[in-house]
Amino acid sequence: LQATHSVSDTAHWAIPGLVMQGRHPGSGRGSTLSRLTAIRSEGCGTFVCLQAEVPPQDGSTVLGGVAVEPLPGLEPYASDAAAAAPESPLKFAHFGIRDMHPADDVAALRSLVYELARRVRTGEVHYVHC
C-alpha cells in the first residue's frame, strides 16, 4: 500500500486519486506551504476540515457539525493553499466534530458523506483532515 497510497508522512490516499486524508495542514513541524504544495501537487483542490476546534477557513462551505472554542496553534491555511497552486481551483468545506468524539448528529454526518461523494463524482479531489 505504501507505493499506491502514501503521499507524505502526514497524508495518504484513502481512495487513490480521489480522496486523501491526513493531519491539519497547518500543524506539525516544518512549513505549512511545503505540506500544502505536496498535497496540491497531487491534485487536491477541496479541503474538508472535520475539526470542531478549528474555525472554518475563509470561504468555507459549512456543511454542519458543531463549533467549540478554537485550539491554539492551528492557524488558517487558506492563503498557503492558494499560493501552493495558484492556477488551480480551491474550495473549502467544514463539518465540526469534537476531538475524540463521534459526530453529534448522525443524519447530518450522513448528509455530509453524500455531499462529498457527489462532489467526488463531479471530479473534485478532496483532502480530508482532522
Foldseek 3Di string as FASTA:
>chain_A
DCVQWDQDPFKTAPPGLAEMEGAQLQDDDDDSLVSLLSVVVSPAAEEEEAALQDDWAVQEAEQEFHHDHHDPRRDHCVVSNCVSPVVDHHYYYYHHDYPPDDTPDVVSVVVVVVVSVVVSVVPHHYYYYD
